[in-house]
């Protein structure tokens, strides 16, 4: 790989023509993805995470039936030098249905998974060869809220802070961000005095992103298309909400659901999915400066997860309804 032309791995759903995880090369001058090809076959690899220092990639298998269990799976891949081709190392069940998000701890020694359908989280130690041990820690969430999609818990994201001491899990089903201490040596979640932070009932928190200065955190709420801003105390791992703003203009009346949030050093951006046939007003991607930590409105039609290119020059956004991937200049 040329350092000036980074690789981009793309996870997919495989109900249709897709066969798994794809790879392209991003031209940073033009913002174009080329040489797009299949990197490795996988089932429902909807979310991916790269190891911070080693040529390893981890993917959820977002299914509710894995190896005869009512569970999804997680797959470990090695990355072939020079080509980027993925070779499967091993797989493990996540002990909960439809895992939708994963992350690595700050030391790169554990993989952390959120099971959406199961409403649970699990952690997996990484062996020296990159393979995953069976889950050593599992926590089942409890509760519900007021929306029809909130009859049971739905863990939708799992995020670290910069210190690596705390883990944050937005649970769409119970309108809470669950907070845990994390012990990297044992690869286990530890109960925390500030067990959770709340959003308004019916919001459906989906994902969280920290401000680069770690003083603020932002949660995108899928069910009511809002972003909630929190002050963050990294010493105690505490979140305190101070603002919630809509991701849609006031005149927008079509069906909508937000999907992802990312934080640039000087802007906050988010995307939304399902803007509807008359969603012209929302069919855009916007960025709003946040010098005081507050968020602004933003969105883009039919997007799911998005990602900022490491240097913050481009933002990649897939459109699940069309099987397309778009790059926007930031």
Protein backbone atom coordinates (compact mmCIF):
# COMPACT_ATOMS: atom_id res chain seq x y z
CA UNK A 1 0.00 0.00 0.00
CA UNK A 2 1.22 3.49 -0.87
CA UNK A 3 1.05 5.72 2.22
CA UNK A 4 -0.46 8.45 0.04
CA UNK A 5 -3.29 6.18 -1.13
CA UNK A 6 -4.96 4.66 1.94
CA UNK A 7 -7.05 1.51 1.79
CA UNK A 8 -10.74 1.70 2.60
CA UNK A 9 -12.53 -1.43 3.86
CA UNK A 10 -16.30 -1.53 3.48
CA UNK A 11 -18.62 -3.82 5.44
CA UNK A 12 -21.88 -4.93 3.85
CA UNK A 13 -25.11 -6.84 4.29
CA UNK A 14 -25.04 -10.06 2.27
CA UNK A 15 -28.72 -10.81 1.63
CA UNK A 16 -28.31 -9.65 -1.98
CA UNK A 17 -25.34 -9.71 -4.34
CA UNK A 18 -22.69 -8.80 -1.78
CA UNK A 19 -20.24 -11.51 -0.72
CA UNK A 20 -18.66 -9.86 2.31
CA UNK A 21 -16.00 -7.22 2.96
CA UNK A 22 -14.75 -5.02 0.12
CA UNK A 23 -11.60 -2.96 -0.34
CA UNK A 24 -10.79 0.15 -2.35
CA UNK A 25 -8.02 2.72 -2.61
CA UNK A 26 -8.82 6.35 -1.81
CA UNK A 27 -7.26 9.10 -3.92
CA UNK A 28 -6.87 11.91 -1.37
CA UNK A 29 -6.54 14.59 -4.04
CA UNK A 30 -9.71 13.72 -5.92
CA UNK A 31 -11.70 11.98 -3.20
CA UNK A 32 -12.27 9.00 -5.49
CA UNK A 33 -12.30 5.35 -4.54
CA UNK A 34 -10.78 3.04 -7.15
CA UNK A 35 -9.65 -0.58 -7.55
CA UNK A 36 -12.74 -1.64 -5.59
CA UNK A 37 -12.77 -5.41 -5.06
CA UNK A 38 -13.77 -8.20 -2.68
CA UNK A 39 -11.25 -8.45 0.17
CA UNK A 40 -12.78 -11.40 2.01
CA UNK A 41 -15.99 -13.37 2.11
CA UNK A 42 -18.12 -13.04 5.23
CA UNK A 43 -21.75 -13.27 6.34
CA UNK A 44 -23.44 -9.98 7.24
CA UNK A 45 -20.19 -8.11 8.09
CA UNK A 46 -22.07 -4.89 8.77
CA UNK A 47 -19.49 -3.23 11.03
CA UNK A 48 -15.69 -3.42 10.95
CA UNK A 49 -12.81 -2.41 13.21
CA UNK A 50 -9.10 -2.31 12.41
CA UNK A 51 -6.48 -3.14 15.01
CA UNK A 52 -4.58 0.08 15.92
CA UNK A 53 -1.08 -1.37 15.44
CA UNK A 54 -1.32 -4.80 13.79
CA UNK A 55 -2.52 -5.97 10.33
CA UNK A 56 -5.80 -7.32 11.72
CA UNK A 57 -9.44 -6.60 10.99
CA UNK A 58 -12.48 -7.64 13.04
CA UNK A 59 -16.07 -7.80 11.81
CA UNK A 60 -19.44 -8.52 13.33
CA UNK A 61 -21.64 -11.13 11.67
CA UNK A 62 -25.02 -9.44 12.13
CA UNK A 63 -27.24 -12.49 12.20
CA UNK A 64 -29.49 -14.16 14.76
CA UNK A 65 -28.38 -17.72 14.00
CA UNK A 66 -24.72 -18.65 14.35
CA UNK A 67 -23.39 -22.19 14.70
CA UNK A 68 -26.77 -23.44 15.80
CA UNK A 69 -27.14 -20.80 18.52
CA UNK A 70 -29.55 -17.88 18.88
CA UNK A 71 -26.59 -15.58 18.46
CA UNK A 72 -24.61 -13.52 16.04
CA UNK A 73 -20.92 -13.91 15.41
CA UNK A 74 -17.62 -12.06 15.31
CA UNK A 75 -14.82 -12.80 12.84
CA UNK A 76 -11.08 -12.13 13.00
CA UNK A 77 -9.08 -11.58 9.79
CA UNK A 78 -5.41 -11.05 9.00
CA UNK A 79 -4.57 -8.43 6.35
CA UNK A 80 -2.18 -9.52 3.64
CA UNK A 81 0.68 -7.08 3.14
CA UNK A 82 0.71 -5.39 -0.25
CA UNK A 83 -2.73 -6.57 -1.38
CA UNK A 84 -5.04 -5.96 1.58
CA UNK A 85 -6.68 -9.36 1.05
CA UNK A 86 -8.33 -10.73 4.19
CA UNK A 87 -7.72 -14.24 5.51
CA UNK A 88 -10.12 -15.60 8.12
CA UNK A 89 -8.36 -16.52 11.38
CA UNK A 90 -11.32 -17.64 13.47
CA UNK A 91 -14.85 -16.81 14.61
CA UNK A 92 -16.72 -16.73 17.91
CA UNK A 93 -20.41 -16.46 18.86
CA UNK A 94 -21.37 -13.15 20.50
CA UNK A 95 -24.05 -14.77 22.74
CA UNK A 96 -26.65 -12.28 21.58
CA UNK A 97 -28.60 -11.82 18.35
CA UNK A 98 -27.65 -9.38 15.57
CA UNK A 99 -24.38 -7.81 16.79
CA UNK A 100 -24.26 -4.40 15.11
CA UNK A 101 -21.18 -2.62 16.46
CA UNK A 102 -17.71 -3.47 17.74
CA UNK A 103 -14.63 -1.71 18.98
CA UNK A 104 -11.18 -2.48 20.37
CA UNK A 105 -10.03 -1.44 23.80
CA UNK A 106 -7.33 1.23 24.11
CA UNK A 107 -4.49 -1.32 24.30
CA UNK A 108 -5.68 -3.36 21.33
CA UNK A 109 -5.91 -6.45 23.53
CA UNK A 110 -9.69 -7.03 23.48
CA UNK A 111 -12.62 -6.75 21.07
CA UNK A 112 -15.87 -5.36 22.49
CA UNK A 113 -19.23 -6.12 20.85
CA UNK A 114 -22.76 -4.71 21.14
CA UNK A 115 -25.62 -7.12 20.37
CA UNK A 116 -28.59 -5.13 19.08
CA UNK A 117 -31.17 -7.91 19.02
CA UNK A 118 -29.90 -9.47 22.23
CA UNK A 119 -29.63 -6.18 24.13
CA UNK A 120 -26.26 -7.22 25.51
CA UNK A 121 -22.50 -6.67 25.31
CA UNK A 122 -19.55 -9.06 25.32
CA UNK A 123 -15.75 -8.92 25.32
CA UNK A 124 -13.18 -11.16 23.62
CA UNK A 125 -9.42 -11.30 24.34
CA UNK A 126 -7.14 -11.18 21.31
CA UNK A 127 -4.46 -13.88 21.13
CA UNK A 128 -0.92 -13.34 19.86
CA UNK A 129 -1.88 -14.62 16.38
CA UNK A 130 -4.84 -12.22 16.20
CA UNK A 131 -7.45 -14.89 16.86
CA UNK A 132 -10.26 -14.32 19.31
CA UNK A 133 -10.74 -16.22 22.53
CA UNK A 134 -14.26 -17.13 23.57
CA UNK A 135 -16.15 -14.34 25.32
CA UNK A 136 -14.82 -13.80 28.85
CA UNK A 137 -17.37 -11.19 29.89
CA UNK A 138 -21.06 -10.84 29.02
CA UNK A 139 -23.65 -8.36 30.34
CA UNK A 140 -27.36 -8.49 29.59
CA UNK A 141 -29.17 -5.15 29.69
CA UNK A 142 -32.66 -4.82 31.18
CA UNK A 143 -35.54 -2.41 30.70
CA UNK A 144 -37.73 -0.78 28.07
CA UNK A 145 -39.12 2.62 27.05
CA UNK A 146 -42.11 4.20 25.28
CA UNK A 147 -41.51 3.69 21.53
CA UNK A 148 -42.78 0.50 19.77
CA UNK A 149 -39.13 -0.41 19.07
CA UNK A 150 -38.29 -0.09 22.76
CA UNK A 151 -40.06 -3.10 24.24
CA UNK A 152 -36.69 -4.69 25.03
CA UNK A 153 -33.05 -3.48 25.30
CA UNK A 154 -31.10 -2.91 22.08
CA UNK A 155 -27.40 -2.19 22.66
CA UNK A 156 -26.46 -0.22 19.54
CA UNK A 157 -22.87 0.95 20.06
CA UNK A 158 -19.85 0.35 22.27
CA UNK A 159 -17.28 3.15 22.66
CA UNK A 160 -14.06 3.90 24.59
CA UNK A 161 -12.94 7.20 26.00
CA UNK A 162 -9.38 8.36 25.34
CA UNK A 163 -8.10 7.04 28.67
CA UNK A 164 -9.32 3.52 27.98
CA UNK A 165 -10.72 3.32 31.50
CA UNK A 166 -14.40 3.65 30.60
CA UNK A 167 -16.79 2.05 28.11
CA UNK A 168 -20.03 3.70 26.91
CA UNK A 169 -22.93 1.73 25.45
CA UNK A 170 -25.88 3.63 23.91
CA UNK A 171 -28.91 1.35 24.28
CA UNK A 172 -31.69 2.32 21.89
CA UNK A 173 -34.27 0.22 23.72
CA UNK A 174 -33.97 1.79 27.16
CA UNK A 175 -32.97 5.42 26.40
CA UNK A 176 -29.73 5.15 28.35
CA UNK A 177 -26.01 5.28 27.75
CA UNK A 178 -24.68 2.55 30.03
CA UNK A 179 -21.27 3.31 31.53
CA UNK A 180 -18.72 0.70 32.64
CA UNK A 181 -15.18 0.73 33.87
CA UNK A 182 -12.98 -1.55 31.78
CA UNK A 183 -10.11 -3.76 32.95
CA UNK A 184 -7.90 -4.46 29.93
CA UNK A 185 -5.93 -7.13 31.80
CA UNK A 186 -8.99 -9.30 32.38
CA UNK A 187 -10.85 -7.94 29.34
CA UNK A 188 -13.90 -7.42 31.55
CA UNK A 189 -16.50 -4.74 32.21
CA UNK A 190 -16.60 -3.53 35.81
CA UNK A 191 -19.62 -1.86 37.48
CA UNK A 192 -19.30 1.91 37.69
CA UNK A 193 -20.81 4.30 40.26
CA UNK A 194 -22.28 6.42 37.45
CA UNK A 195 -24.04 3.46 35.88
CA UNK A 196 -25.73 5.40 33.08
CA UNK A 197 -26.70 8.71 31.51
CA UNK A 198 -30.24 9.27 30.22
CA UNK A 199 -31.75 10.86 27.14
CA UNK A 200 -35.39 11.86 26.73
CA UNK A 201 -37.90 9.00 26.60
CA UNK A 202 -38.44 7.73 23.08
CA UNK A 203 -35.14 9.13 21.76
CA UNK A 204 -33.41 5.82 21.01
CA UNK A 205 -29.67 6.55 21.51
CA UNK A 206 -27.62 4.85 18.80
CA UNK A 207 -23.96 5.95 18.74
CA UNK A 208 -21.63 8.24 20.70
CA UNK A 209 -18.64 10.33 19.70
CA UNK A 210 -16.21 12.28 21.88
CA UNK A 211 -14.94 15.77 21.17
CA UNK A 212 -11.15 15.68 20.54
CA UNK A 213 -10.56 17.63 23.75
CA UNK A 214 -12.55 15.03 25.72
CA UNK A 215 -14.63 17.72 27.45
CA UNK A 216 -17.77 16.83 25.53
CA UNK A 217 -19.53 13.80 24.10
CA UNK A 218 -22.35 13.63 21.56
CA UNK A 219 -25.03 10.98 21.19
CA UNK A 220 -27.12 10.59 18.05
CA UNK A 221 -30.69 9.51 18.82
CA UNK A 222 -32.21 7.38 16.07
CA UNK A 223 -35.91 7.38 16.93
CA UNK A 224 -36.53 11.11 17.31
CA UNK A 225 -33.72 12.40 15.03
CA UNK A 226 -31.84 14.44 17.61
CA UNK A 227 -28.32 14.85 18.97
CA UNK A 228 -27.77 15.16 22.71
CA UNK A 229 -24.63 16.94 23.94
CA UNK A 230 -22.98 15.97 27.22
CA UNK A 231 -20.20 17.41 29.32
CA UNK A 232 -17.69 14.69 30.15
CA UNK A 233 -15.50 14.23 33.21
CA UNK A 234 -12.71 11.81 32.16
CA UNK A 235 -11.52 11.39 35.74
CA UNK A 236 -14.84 9.99 36.91
CA UNK A 237 -16.29 8.75 33.63
CA UNK A 238 -19.41 10.87 34.10
CA UNK A 239 -21.72 12.29 31.41
CA UNK A 240 -24.12 15.18 32.06
CA UNK A 241 -26.47 16.32 29.30
CA UNK A 242 -26.81 20.03 28.59
CA UNK A 243 -28.37 20.30 25.13
CA UNK A 244 -30.51 18.38 22.65
CA UNK A 245 -31.00 19.64 19.09
CA UNK A 246 -32.91 18.24 16.09
CA UNK A 247 -31.05 16.86 13.08
CA UNK A 248 -33.83 18.07 10.77
CA UNK A 249 -35.13 21.47 9.75
CA UNK A 250 -38.42 22.39 11.39
CA UNK A 251 -40.36 22.16 8.12
CA UNK A 252 -39.28 18.55 7.45
CA UNK A 253 -42.26 16.21 8.06
CA UNK A 254 -41.30 12.89 6.39
CA UNK A 255 -40.26 9.73 8.16
CA UNK A 256 -36.65 9.76 9.33
CA UNK A 257 -34.14 8.04 11.60
CA UNK A 258 -30.60 9.13 12.43
CA UNK A 259 -27.75 6.67 12.04
CA UNK A 260 -24.23 7.89 12.91
CA UNK A 261 -22.23 10.74 14.39
CA UNK A 262 -18.57 11.67 13.92
CA UNK A 263 -16.55 14.53 15.42
CA UNK A 264 -13.98 16.51 13.45
CA UNK A 265 -11.50 18.71 15.38
CA UNK A 266 -13.56 21.79 14.46
CA UNK A 267 -16.96 20.42 13.42
CA UNK A 268 -19.63 17.97 14.44
CA UNK A 269 -21.24 15.99 11.62
CA UNK A 270 -23.92 13.35 11.61
CA UNK A 271 -25.93 11.45 9.05
CA UNK A 272 -29.45 10.18 8.96
CA UNK A 273 -31.23 7.40 7.11
CA UNK A 274 -34.68 6.96 5.60
CA UNK A 275 -35.54 10.57 4.81
CA UNK A 276 -38.47 9.48 2.64
CA UNK A 277 -39.65 10.25 -0.87
CA UNK A 278 -40.26 13.91 -0.09
CA UNK A 279 -37.02 14.29 1.85
CA UNK A 280 -35.43 16.92 -0.38
CA UNK A 281 -34.77 19.33 2.46
CA UNK A 282 -32.93 16.65 4.35
CA UNK A 283 -31.09 15.20 1.37
CA UNK A 284 -27.78 16.82 2.25
CA UNK A 285 -24.75 16.50 4.45
CA UNK A 286 -24.02 19.46 6.71
CA UNK A 287 -21.32 20.37 9.20
CA UNK A 288 -21.73 22.66 12.17
CA UNK A 289 -18.92 24.21 14.17
CA UNK A 290 -18.99 23.57 17.90
CA UNK A 291 -16.47 25.87 19.60
CA UNK A 292 -18.48 25.78 22.84
CA UNK A 293 -19.31 22.08 22.72
CA UNK A 294 -22.88 22.41 21.43
CA UNK A 295 -24.12 20.54 18.39
CA UNK A 296 -26.04 21.77 15.35
CA UNK A 297 -28.46 20.23 12.88
CA UNK A 298 -27.12 17.97 10.14
CA UNK A 299 -28.10 15.00 7.97
CA UNK A 300 -28.07 13.03 4.72
CA UNK A 301 -30.68 10.83 3.07
CA UNK A 302 -30.61 7.01 3.36
CA UNK A 303 -27.20 6.82 5.04
CA UNK A 304 -26.20 4.27 7.66
CA UNK A 305 -22.73 4.33 9.19
CA UNK A 306 -20.22 6.93 8.09
CA UNK A 307 -16.55 7.54 8.74
CA UNK A 308 -14.11 10.41 8.55
CA UNK A 309 -10.90 9.81 6.60
CA UNK A 310 -8.05 9.88 9.18
CA UNK A 311 -6.78 13.32 8.14
CA UNK A 312 -10.32 14.72 8.25
CA UNK A 313 -10.31 15.61 4.54
CA UNK A 314 -13.15 13.36 3.38
CA UNK A 315 -16.20 11.75 4.88
CA UNK A 316 -17.38 8.38 3.55
CA UNK A 317 -21.11 7.68 3.63
CA UNK A 318 -22.86 4.57 2.31
CA UNK A 319 -26.43 4.57 1.00
CA UNK A 320 -27.88 1.22 1.97
CA UNK A 321 -30.92 1.55 -0.30
CA UNK A 322 -28.72 1.76 -3.41
CA UNK A 323 -25.58 -0.17 -2.44
CA UNK A 324 -23.46 2.93 -3.06
CA UNK A 325 -20.63 4.65 -1.23
CA UNK A 326 -20.16 8.43 -1.45
CA UNK A 327 -17.23 10.62 -0.41
CA UNK A 328 -17.78 14.23 0.67
CA UNK A 329 -15.14 16.92 1.06
CA UNK A 330 -15.12 18.18 4.65
